[in-house]
Amino acid sequence: MGQTASVLRDGAPRQLPAREVVPGDVIRLSAGDLVPADARLLSAKDLFLNEAPLTGESLPREKHAQSDGAPAGGLGEALTAVFRGTSVVSGLGAAVVPASVANLGRRGVVYRELADRHPKLDLWLAWSRGALDKASREFVAQARLLAA
């Protein structure tokens, strides 16, 4: 069996295969979980994520819900969002999967831009397998610097 996700859907808690997470689901996060989808944090308590698969940073990054006083826009976008493929190191959180990754700030722009070029490829899978063309790789590298 593949990765599973703990979600709240239609008011009921469920354990689903990660590939079945859809916009509107509220993802419940705890230590050891892999984040199944890009999402915006609704709540966070001592939540730290390993974002090395995306950013290459060696240290976990603390995350906050927007209502926890995290700044809006810029760096705040990255602090209040969780991204597919990252993992929870410690703490608890709940995050809603948006209708569009465009709702996730700069990373949404990156996803949209690259999805236009590679509509049938998962962005990070394509990146790791070297399937992106040179222009796309440079675009992702620049976007990573801007988002850092």
C-alpha atoms as a PDB file:
ATOM      1  CA  MET A   1       0.000   0.000   0.000  1.00  0.00           C
ATOM      2  CA  GLY A   2       1.261   3.525  -0.819  1.00  0.00           C
ATOM      3  CA  GLN A   3       1.386   6.646   1.286  1.00  0.00           C
ATOM      4  CA  THR A   4      -1.755   7.463   3.245  1.00  0.00           C
ATOM      5  CA  ALA A   5      -3.107  10.766   4.512  1.00  0.00           C
ATOM      6  CA  SER A   6      -5.277  11.652   7.467  1.00  0.00           C
ATOM      7  CA  VAL A   7      -7.926  14.094   6.238  1.00  0.00           C
ATOM      8  CA  LEU A   8     -11.146  15.707   7.314  1.00  0.00           C
ATOM      9  CA  ARG A   9     -13.615  15.470   4.411  1.00  0.00           C
ATOM     10  CA  ASP A  10     -17.287  16.424   4.615  1.00  0.00           C
ATOM     11  CA  GLY A  11     -16.877  16.823   8.377  1.00  0.00           C
ATOM     12  CA  ALA A  12     -15.658  13.263   8.913  1.00  0.00           C
ATOM     13  CA  PRO A  13     -12.083  12.130   9.645  1.00  0.00           C
ATOM     14  CA  ARG A  14     -10.751   9.632   7.085  1.00  0.00           C
ATOM     15  CA  GLN A  15      -7.560   7.761   6.314  1.00  0.00           C
ATOM     16  CA  LEU A  16      -7.086   7.829   2.514  1.00  0.00           C
ATOM     17  CA  PRO A  17      -4.422   6.979  -0.035  1.00  0.00           C
ATOM     18  CA  ALA A  18      -2.465  10.222  -0.527  1.00  0.00           C
ATOM     19  CA  ARG A  19      -3.308  10.263  -4.254  1.00  0.00           C
ATOM     20  CA  GLU A  20      -7.010  10.677  -3.327  1.00  0.00           C
ATOM     21  CA  VAL A  21      -6.525  13.988  -1.477  1.00  0.00           C
ATOM     22  CA  VAL A  22      -8.543  16.669  -3.289  1.00  0.00           C
ATOM     23  CA  PRO A  23      -9.091  20.445  -3.012  1.00  0.00           C
ATOM     24  CA  GLY A  24     -11.164  21.269   0.048  1.00  0.00           C
ATOM     25  CA  ASP A  25      -9.774  18.400   2.142  1.00  0.00           C
ATOM     26  CA  VAL A  26      -8.258  19.386   5.484  1.00  0.00           C
ATOM     27  CA  ILE A  27      -5.009  17.480   5.995  1.00  0.00           C
ATOM     28  CA  ARG A  28      -4.100  16.535   9.562  1.00  0.00           C
ATOM     29  CA  LEU A  29      -0.323  16.572  10.085  1.00  0.00           C
ATOM     30  CA  SER A  30       1.837  15.054  12.820  1.00  0.00           C
ATOM     31  CA  ALA A  31       5.443  13.935  13.266  1.00  0.00           C
ATOM     32  CA  GLY A  32       6.518  11.377  10.680  1.00  0.00           C
ATOM     33  CA  ASP A  33       3.859  12.276   8.104  1.00  0.00           C
ATOM     34  CA  LEU A  34       4.689  12.998   4.488  1.00  0.00           C
ATOM     35  CA  VAL A  35       2.716  15.981   3.228  1.00  0.00           C
ATOM     36  CA  PRO A  36       0.365  14.571   0.541  1.00  0.00           C
ATOM     37  CA  ALA A  37      -0.507  17.860  -1.212  1.00  0.00           C
ATOM     38  CA  ASP A  38       0.355  21.550  -1.271  1.00  0.00           C
ATOM     39  CA  ALA A  39      -1.844  23.236   1.333  1.00  0.00           C
ATOM     40  CA  ARG A  40      -2.395  26.374   3.441  1.00  0.00           C
ATOM     41  CA  LEU A  41      -2.039  25.958   7.219  1.00  0.00           C
ATOM     42  CA  LEU A  42      -5.143  26.496   9.319  1.00  0.00           C
ATOM     43  CA  SER A  43      -3.462  25.611  12.607  1.00  0.00           C
ATOM     44  CA  ALA A  44       0.022  24.703  13.768  1.00  0.00           C
ATOM     45  CA  LYS A  45       1.506  23.772  17.133  1.00  0.00           C
ATOM     46  CA  ASP A  46       5.300  23.506  17.272  1.00  0.00           C
ATOM     47  CA  LEU A  47       5.203  22.396  13.617  1.00  0.00           C
ATOM     48  CA  PHE A  48       8.553  21.832  11.883  1.00  0.00           C
ATOM     49  CA  LEU A  49       8.910  20.426   8.366  1.00  0.00           C
ATOM     50  CA  ASN A  50      11.838  19.016   6.452  1.00  0.00           C
ATOM     51  CA  GLU A  51      11.736  20.908   3.143  1.00  0.00           C
ATOM     52  CA  ALA A  52      15.062  19.572   1.867  1.00  0.00           C
ATOM     53  CA  PRO A  53      13.440  17.846  -1.141  1.00  0.00           C
ATOM     54  CA  LEU A  54      12.322  21.284  -2.362  1.00  0.00           C
ATOM     55  CA  THR A  55      14.835  23.758  -1.023  1.00  0.00           C
ATOM     56  CA  GLY A  56      17.920  21.729  -0.194  1.00  0.00           C
ATOM     57  CA  GLU A  57      18.015  23.277   3.289  1.00  0.00           C
ATOM     58  CA  SER A  58      19.425  20.917   5.899  1.00  0.00           C
ATOM     59  CA  LEU A  59      17.475  22.263   8.876  1.00  0.00           C
ATOM     60  CA  PRO A  60      13.732  21.844   9.452  1.00  0.00           C
ATOM     61  CA  ARG A  61      11.608  24.965   8.930  1.00  0.00           C
ATOM     62  CA  GLU A  62       9.072  26.099  11.516  1.00  0.00           C
ATOM     63  CA  LYS A  63       5.577  26.669  10.134  1.00  0.00           C
ATOM     64  CA  HIS A  64       2.753  28.874  11.415  1.00  0.00           C
ATOM     65  CA  ALA A  65      -0.910  29.298  10.609  1.00  0.00           C
ATOM     66  CA  GLN A  66      -1.793  32.734   9.241  1.00  0.00           C
ATOM     67  CA  SER A  67      -3.738  33.473  12.431  1.00  0.00           C
ATOM     68  CA  ASP A  68      -0.626  32.653  14.514  1.00  0.00           C
ATOM     69  CA  GLY A  69       0.911  35.990  13.571  1.00  0.00           C
ATOM     70  CA  ALA A  70       2.850  34.845  10.509  1.00  0.00           C
ATOM     71  CA  PRO A  71       3.412  37.715   8.091  1.00  0.00           C
ATOM     72  CA  ALA A  72       1.272  37.894   4.957  1.00  0.00           C
ATOM     73  CA  GLY A  73       2.951  37.698   1.552  1.00  0.00           C
ATOM     74  CA  GLY A  74       6.640  37.178   0.762  1.00  0.00           C
ATOM     75  CA  LEU A  75       8.306  35.024   3.391  1.00  0.00           C
ATOM     76  CA  GLY A  76       4.931  34.623   5.082  1.00  0.00           C
ATOM     77  CA  GLU A  77       3.672  32.662   2.085  1.00  0.00           C
ATOM     78  CA  ALA A  78       6.308  29.993   2.673  1.00  0.00           C
ATOM     79  CA  LEU A  79       5.790  30.007   6.456  1.00  0.00           C
ATOM     80  CA  THR A  80       2.033  29.410   6.226  1.00  0.00           C
ATOM     81  CA  ALA A  81       2.079  26.758   3.495  1.00  0.00           C
ATOM     82  CA  VAL A  82       3.108  23.106   3.402  1.00  0.00           C
ATOM     83  CA  PHE A  83       4.270  21.438   0.221  1.00  0.00           C
ATOM     84  CA  ARG A  84       3.807  17.964  -1.202  1.00  0.00           C
ATOM     85  CA  GLY A  85       6.842  15.767  -0.727  1.00  0.00           C
ATOM     86  CA  THR A  86       8.043  17.432   2.460  1.00  0.00           C
ATOM     87  CA  SER A  87       7.846  15.668   5.827  1.00  0.00           C
ATOM     88  CA  VAL A  88       6.750  16.609   9.324  1.00  0.00           C
ATOM     89  CA  VAL A  89       9.663  16.473  11.762  1.00  0.00           C
ATOM     90  CA  SER A  90       7.703  17.485  14.864  1.00  0.00           C
ATOM     91  CA  GLY A  91       4.507  19.110  16.043  1.00  0.00           C
ATOM     92  CA  LEU A  92       0.909  19.088  14.850  1.00  0.00           C
ATOM     93  CA  GLY A  93      -0.956  20.945  12.145  1.00  0.00           C
ATOM     94  CA  ALA A  94      -4.027  21.128   9.961  1.00  0.00           C
ATOM     95  CA  ALA A  95      -3.986  22.505   6.434  1.00  0.00           C
ATOM     96  CA  VAL A  96      -6.569  22.961   3.697  1.00  0.00           C
ATOM     97  CA  VAL A  97      -5.816  21.933   0.123  1.00  0.00           C
ATOM     98  CA  PRO A  98      -6.666  24.968  -2.053  1.00  0.00           C
ATOM     99  CA  ALA A  99      -8.658  24.772  -5.281  1.00  0.00           C
ATOM    100  CA  SER A 100      -5.532  25.888  -7.132  1.00  0.00           C
ATOM    101  CA  VAL A 101      -1.840  25.937  -6.356  1.00  0.00           C
ATOM    102  CA  ALA A 102      -2.012  29.531  -7.542  1.00  0.00           C
ATOM    103  CA  ASN A 103      -3.325  30.252  -4.036  1.00  0.00           C
ATOM    104  CA  LEU A 104       0.111  29.377  -2.641  1.00  0.00           C
ATOM    105  CA  GLY A 105       1.971  32.515  -3.697  1.00  0.00           C
ATOM    106  CA  ARG A 106       5.269  32.330  -5.595  1.00  0.00           C
ATOM    107  CA  ARG A 107       5.388  28.549  -5.619  1.00  0.00           C
ATOM    108  CA  GLY A 108       1.968  28.575  -7.270  1.00  0.00           C
ATOM    109  CA  VAL A 109       3.394  30.746 -10.028  1.00  0.00           C
ATOM    110  CA  VAL A 110       6.243  28.275 -10.504  1.00  0.00           C
ATOM    111  CA  TYR A 111       3.859  25.337 -10.667  1.00  0.00           C
ATOM    112  CA  ARG A 112       1.556  27.095 -13.153  1.00  0.00           C
ATOM    113  CA  GLU A 113       4.450  28.145 -15.357  1.00  0.00           C
ATOM    114  CA  LEU A 114       5.970  24.679 -15.456  1.00  0.00           C
ATOM    115  CA  ALA A 115       2.651  22.865 -15.760  1.00  0.00           C
ATOM    116  CA  ASP A 116       2.126  24.758 -19.009  1.00  0.00           C
ATOM    117  CA  ARG A 117       5.416  23.355 -20.305  1.00  0.00           C
ATOM    118  CA  HIS A 118       5.022  19.838 -18.846  1.00  0.00           C
ATOM    119  CA  PRO A 119       1.290  19.195 -18.329  1.00  0.00           C
ATOM    120  CA  LYS A 120       1.587  15.427 -17.893  1.00  0.00           C
ATOM    121  CA  LEU A 121       4.521  15.410 -15.502  1.00  0.00           C
ATOM    122  CA  ASP A 122       4.575  15.900 -11.778  1.00  0.00           C
ATOM    123  CA  LEU A 123       6.902  18.865 -11.335  1.00  0.00           C
ATOM    124  CA  TRP A 124       9.164  17.463  -8.640  1.00  0.00           C
ATOM    125  CA  LEU A 125       9.261  13.994 -10.172  1.00  0.00           C
ATOM    126  CA  ALA A 126      10.267  15.573 -13.472  1.00  0.00           C
ATOM    127  CA  TRP A 127      12.898  17.671 -11.673  1.00  0.00           C
ATOM    128  CA  SER A 128      14.414  14.673  -9.891  1.00  0.00           C
ATOM    129  CA  ARG A 129      14.537  12.588 -13.076  1.00  0.00           C
ATOM    130  CA  GLY A 130      16.079  15.398 -15.109  1.00  0.00           C
ATOM    131  CA  ALA A 131      13.047  15.508 -17.424  1.00  0.00           C
ATOM    132  CA  LEU A 132      12.741  19.300 -17.408  1.00  0.00           C
ATOM    133  CA  ASP A 133      14.358  21.267 -20.202  1.00  0.00           C
ATOM    134  CA  LYS A 134      17.193  23.680 -19.399  1.00  0.00           C
ATOM    135  CA  ALA A 135      14.925  26.763 -19.329  1.00  0.00           C
ATOM    136  CA  SER A 136      12.546  25.068 -16.863  1.00  0.00           C
ATOM    137  CA  ARG A 137      15.404  23.993 -14.581  1.00  0.00           C
ATOM    138  CA  GLU A 138      16.777  27.544 -14.560  1.00  0.00           C
ATOM    139  CA  PHE A 139      13.302  28.931 -13.840  1.00  0.00           C
ATOM    140  CA  VAL A 140      12.866  26.576 -10.855  1.00  0.00           C
ATOM    141  CA  ALA A 141      16.341  27.449  -9.556  1.00  0.00           C
ATOM    142  CA  GLN A 142      15.559  31.181  -9.741  1.00  0.00           C
ATOM    143  CA  ALA A 143      12.153  30.681  -8.112  1.00  0.00           C
ATOM    144  CA  ARG A 144      13.781  28.753  -5.265  1.00  0.00           C
ATOM    145  CA  LEU A 145      16.134  31.688  -4.626  1.00  0.00           C
ATOM    146  CA  LEU A 146      13.229  34.145  -4.629  1.00  0.00           C
ATOM    147  CA  ALA A 147      11.161  32.004  -2.287  1.00  0.00           C
ATOM    148  CA  ALA A 148      14.025  31.503   0.176  1.00  0.00           C
END
